[in-house]
Amino acid sequence: MRLFIALPLPEEVRAALAAAQERLRRGKPPVRWTDATRMHLTLQFLGETGAALTPTLIAGLAALDVPPIHLTLSGLGAFPGLQRPRVIWAGVAGDIGALDRLRTAVFAVTTPLGFTPEERPFTPHLTLGRLRDDAHPEEIRALAATLRAAEPLPALVWQAGRPILYQSTLRPDGAVYTALGPGEV
C-alpha cells in the first residue's frame, strides 16, 4: 500500500484553489493539474507500506492531541523557484508553528514504525500542478511570468482537523486517494 498522512481541506479552500488553477490555465501552460477534489496538506509521505501497519498508524493518529490550528492561503509559487518551476503551489500561512508541532507529533507516531522523517525544512503548500517533462523554455518563462502576475488568492481562514492516513493508488488519469482513518474525513 502506498500511504501518506495529510490534513484534509474544507470545500471552500478547494474551490478557491480550483479557481486559481482556472486562471493559471488561461495561458495553456504545459502543466499536469492536480484535481482540486484530491488536494490536501501533506504532513508525511510514507511510501510503500505493509497493510499490517495500517491499524497501528491509525491508532497513533487518533491518539494525537490536535490543538486548533488556523491556516490561510498565502500566495502562489513554484518549486524549486520561479526561474525553473517544476511544482506549482499555493502557499499556506497562519499558525505554522502549531502546524510544525503537529507534524513533529506525526513523526513521533511513524518513526518507531521504521519511517524516516523528512529532513528538508517544512514548507507548507498545496500542490496545484506539475510541469510536464516536454515543456519548452519559452513555455516555462511564460508560466513563471503568469505566476508573478497572478491575482492574489482569497484570504480564506480555516481550522485544520485531525491528520488522516490516506492510501494513494496510482492510475493513468492520476492518483486516487482513499482516507483510511482516523475519524472526521
Protein backbone atom coordinates (compact mmCIF):
# COMPACT_ATOMS: atom_id res chain seq x y z
CA MET A 1 0.00 0.00 0.00
CA ARG A 2 1.27 3.47 -0.89
CA LEU A 3 0.47 5.67 2.13
CA PHE A 4 0.75 9.27 3.30
CA ILE A 5 -0.52 11.37 6.19
CA ALA A 6 -2.26 14.65 5.42
CA LEU A 7 -4.77 17.22 6.55
CA PRO A 8 -7.97 17.35 4.52
CA LEU A 9 -9.10 20.72 3.16
CA PRO A 10 -12.54 22.32 3.52
CA GLU A 11 -14.62 22.61 0.37
CA GLU A 12 -14.30 26.42 0.18
CA VAL A 13 -10.49 26.14 0.16
CA ARG A 14 -10.56 23.52 -2.59
CA ALA A 15 -12.96 25.73 -4.59
CA ALA A 16 -10.63 28.73 -4.26
CA LEU A 17 -7.70 26.60 -5.39
CA ALA A 18 -9.69 25.30 -8.38
CA ALA A 19 -10.49 28.92 -9.33
CA ALA A 20 -6.78 29.82 -9.11
CA GLN A 21 -5.94 26.86 -11.34
CA GLU A 22 -8.53 28.00 -13.86
CA ARG A 23 -6.96 31.47 -14.01
CA LEU A 24 -3.48 29.95 -14.45
CA ARG A 25 -4.72 27.63 -17.22
CA ARG A 26 -5.65 30.57 -19.47
CA GLY A 27 -2.16 30.72 -20.95
CA LYS A 28 -2.33 26.96 -21.60
CA PRO A 29 0.90 26.19 -19.71
CA PRO A 30 2.39 22.69 -20.01
CA VAL A 31 1.18 21.62 -16.57
CA ARG A 32 -0.48 18.45 -15.28
CA TRP A 33 -3.04 19.99 -12.93
CA THR A 34 -3.97 18.41 -9.62
CA ASP A 35 -7.66 17.58 -9.28
CA ALA A 36 -8.90 20.07 -6.69
CA THR A 37 -11.13 17.41 -5.10
CA ARG A 38 -7.95 15.45 -4.26
CA MET A 39 -5.99 18.34 -2.71
CA HIS A 40 -4.69 18.01 0.83
CA LEU A 41 -1.86 19.32 3.02
CA THR A 42 0.73 16.54 3.26
CA LEU A 43 2.46 16.11 6.61
CA GLN A 44 4.42 12.93 5.79
CA PHE A 45 4.73 10.68 2.77
CA LEU A 46 5.22 7.10 3.93
CA GLY A 47 5.51 5.31 0.59
CA GLU A 48 5.00 1.58 0.16
CA THR A 49 3.84 0.19 3.48
CA GLY A 50 2.68 -3.21 4.60
CA ALA A 51 -1.06 -3.37 5.33
CA ALA A 52 -0.31 -4.81 8.79
CA LEU A 53 0.94 -1.37 9.93
CA THR A 54 -2.29 0.42 8.98
CA PRO A 55 -4.19 -0.17 12.27
CA THR A 56 -1.17 0.96 14.32
CA LEU A 57 -0.79 4.12 12.22
CA ILE A 58 -4.50 4.94 12.51
CA ALA A 59 -4.49 4.35 16.27
CA GLY A 60 -1.42 6.55 16.68
CA LEU A 61 -3.02 9.38 14.69
CA ALA A 62 -6.26 9.02 16.66
CA ALA A 63 -4.34 9.39 19.92
CA LEU A 64 -2.69 12.68 18.93
CA ASP A 65 -3.65 15.78 20.86
CA VAL A 66 -4.61 18.11 18.00
CA PRO A 67 -4.96 21.74 19.09
CA PRO A 68 -6.91 24.25 16.99
CA ILE A 69 -4.62 25.30 14.13
CA HIS A 70 -5.82 28.18 11.97
CA LEU A 71 -4.43 28.30 8.45
CA THR A 72 -4.90 30.56 5.45
CA LEU A 73 -3.99 30.58 1.78
CA SER A 74 -0.88 32.61 1.08
CA GLY A 75 0.21 33.32 -2.48
CA LEU A 76 1.31 31.25 -5.44
CA GLY A 77 4.77 29.96 -6.19
CA ALA A 78 6.84 27.14 -7.60
CA PHE A 79 9.48 24.66 -6.51
CA PRO A 80 12.39 24.90 -6.88
CA GLY A 81 11.62 28.54 -7.80
CA LEU A 82 10.11 30.76 -10.45
CA GLN A 83 13.26 30.58 -12.60
CA ARG A 84 12.74 26.85 -13.11
CA PRO A 85 9.22 25.97 -11.94
CA ARG A 86 8.55 22.22 -11.62
CA VAL A 87 5.79 22.14 -8.99
CA ILE A 88 3.16 24.92 -8.93
CA TRP A 89 1.79 25.55 -5.43
CA ALA A 90 -0.42 27.69 -3.24
CA GLY A 91 1.23 28.71 0.00
CA VAL A 92 -0.18 28.08 3.44
CA ALA A 93 0.24 30.61 6.25
CA GLY A 94 -1.27 31.13 9.68
CA ASP A 95 -0.29 29.17 12.78
CA ILE A 96 2.67 27.47 11.12
CA GLY A 97 4.40 26.88 14.47
CA ALA A 98 1.47 24.77 15.67
CA LEU A 99 1.32 23.03 12.27
CA ASP A 100 5.02 22.16 12.54
CA ARG A 101 4.48 20.83 16.07
CA LEU A 102 1.63 18.66 14.76
CA ARG A 103 3.93 17.37 12.03
CA THR A 104 6.55 16.55 14.68
CA ALA A 105 3.87 14.66 16.63
CA VAL A 106 3.05 12.69 13.46
CA PHE A 107 6.75 11.78 13.19
CA ALA A 108 6.61 10.54 16.79
CA VAL A 109 3.91 8.10 15.66
CA THR A 110 5.66 6.97 12.47
CA THR A 111 9.35 6.90 13.42
CA PRO A 112 9.07 3.92 15.84
CA LEU A 113 7.44 2.02 12.96
CA GLY A 114 10.51 2.50 10.78
CA PHE A 115 9.54 5.61 8.79
CA THR A 116 12.12 8.35 8.36
CA PRO A 117 11.02 11.95 8.95
CA GLU A 118 11.62 14.42 6.14
CA GLU A 119 14.88 16.28 6.75
CA ARG A 120 14.22 19.26 4.46
CA PRO A 121 12.67 22.33 6.07
CA PHE A 122 8.88 22.17 6.13
CA THR A 123 7.30 24.46 3.54
CA PRO A 124 3.53 24.08 3.93
CA HIS A 125 1.93 24.20 0.49
CA LEU A 126 -0.88 22.80 -1.62
CA THR A 127 0.21 21.38 -4.97
CA LEU A 128 -1.75 22.87 -7.87
CA GLY A 129 0.13 21.08 -10.64
CA ARG A 130 3.41 19.80 -12.00
CA LEU A 131 5.25 20.98 -15.10
CA ARG A 132 5.21 18.40 -17.88
CA ASP A 133 8.58 16.96 -18.90
CA ASP A 134 8.11 18.13 -22.50
CA ALA A 135 7.82 21.85 -21.57
CA HIS A 136 9.87 24.19 -23.78
CA PRO A 137 11.97 27.02 -22.27
CA GLU A 138 9.64 29.72 -23.63
CA GLU A 139 6.64 27.96 -22.07
CA ILE A 140 8.48 27.80 -18.75
CA ARG A 141 9.29 31.53 -18.89
CA ALA A 142 5.65 32.31 -19.74
CA LEU A 143 4.43 30.20 -16.80
CA ALA A 144 6.82 31.99 -14.42
CA ALA A 145 5.54 35.36 -15.68
CA THR A 146 1.94 34.22 -15.21
CA LEU A 147 2.68 33.17 -11.62
CA ARG A 148 4.36 36.50 -10.86
CA ALA A 149 1.36 38.43 -12.20
CA ALA A 150 -1.31 36.13 -10.76
CA GLU A 151 -4.28 37.50 -8.91
CA PRO A 152 -3.90 37.05 -5.13
CA LEU A 153 -5.61 34.10 -3.51
CA PRO A 154 -8.59 34.88 -1.27
CA ALA A 155 -7.68 35.24 2.40
CA LEU A 156 -9.63 32.19 3.49
CA VAL A 157 -9.02 31.04 7.05
CA TRP A 158 -9.80 27.51 8.11
CA GLN A 159 -9.14 25.31 11.11
CA ALA A 160 -7.04 22.25 10.40
CA GLY A 161 -8.52 18.96 11.52
CA ARG A 162 -7.00 15.69 12.62
CA PRO A 163 -4.30 14.17 10.38
CA ILE A 164 -5.67 11.37 8.21
CA LEU A 165 -3.89 8.30 6.87
CA TYR A 166 -4.50 8.05 3.13
CA GLN A 167 -3.82 5.33 0.60
CA SER A 168 -2.67 6.54 -2.81
CA THR A 169 -3.49 4.34 -5.79
CA LEU A 170 -1.71 5.41 -8.97
CA ARG A 171 -3.79 5.33 -12.15
CA PRO A 172 -3.17 6.65 -15.67
CA ASP A 173 -5.56 9.57 -15.07
CA GLY A 174 -3.94 10.49 -11.73
CA ALA A 175 -3.73 9.20 -8.20
CA VAL A 176 -6.84 8.18 -6.30
CA TYR A 177 -6.74 8.88 -2.56
CA THR A 178 -8.68 6.81 -0.06
CA ALA A 179 -8.97 8.01 3.52
CA LEU A 180 -8.25 5.10 5.86
CA GLY A 181 -8.73 6.93 9.15
CA PRO A 182 -8.99 8.07 11.82
CA GLY A 183 -12.24 9.95 12.17
CA GLU A 184 -13.64 13.03 10.51
CA VAL A 185 -12.67 12.93 6.85
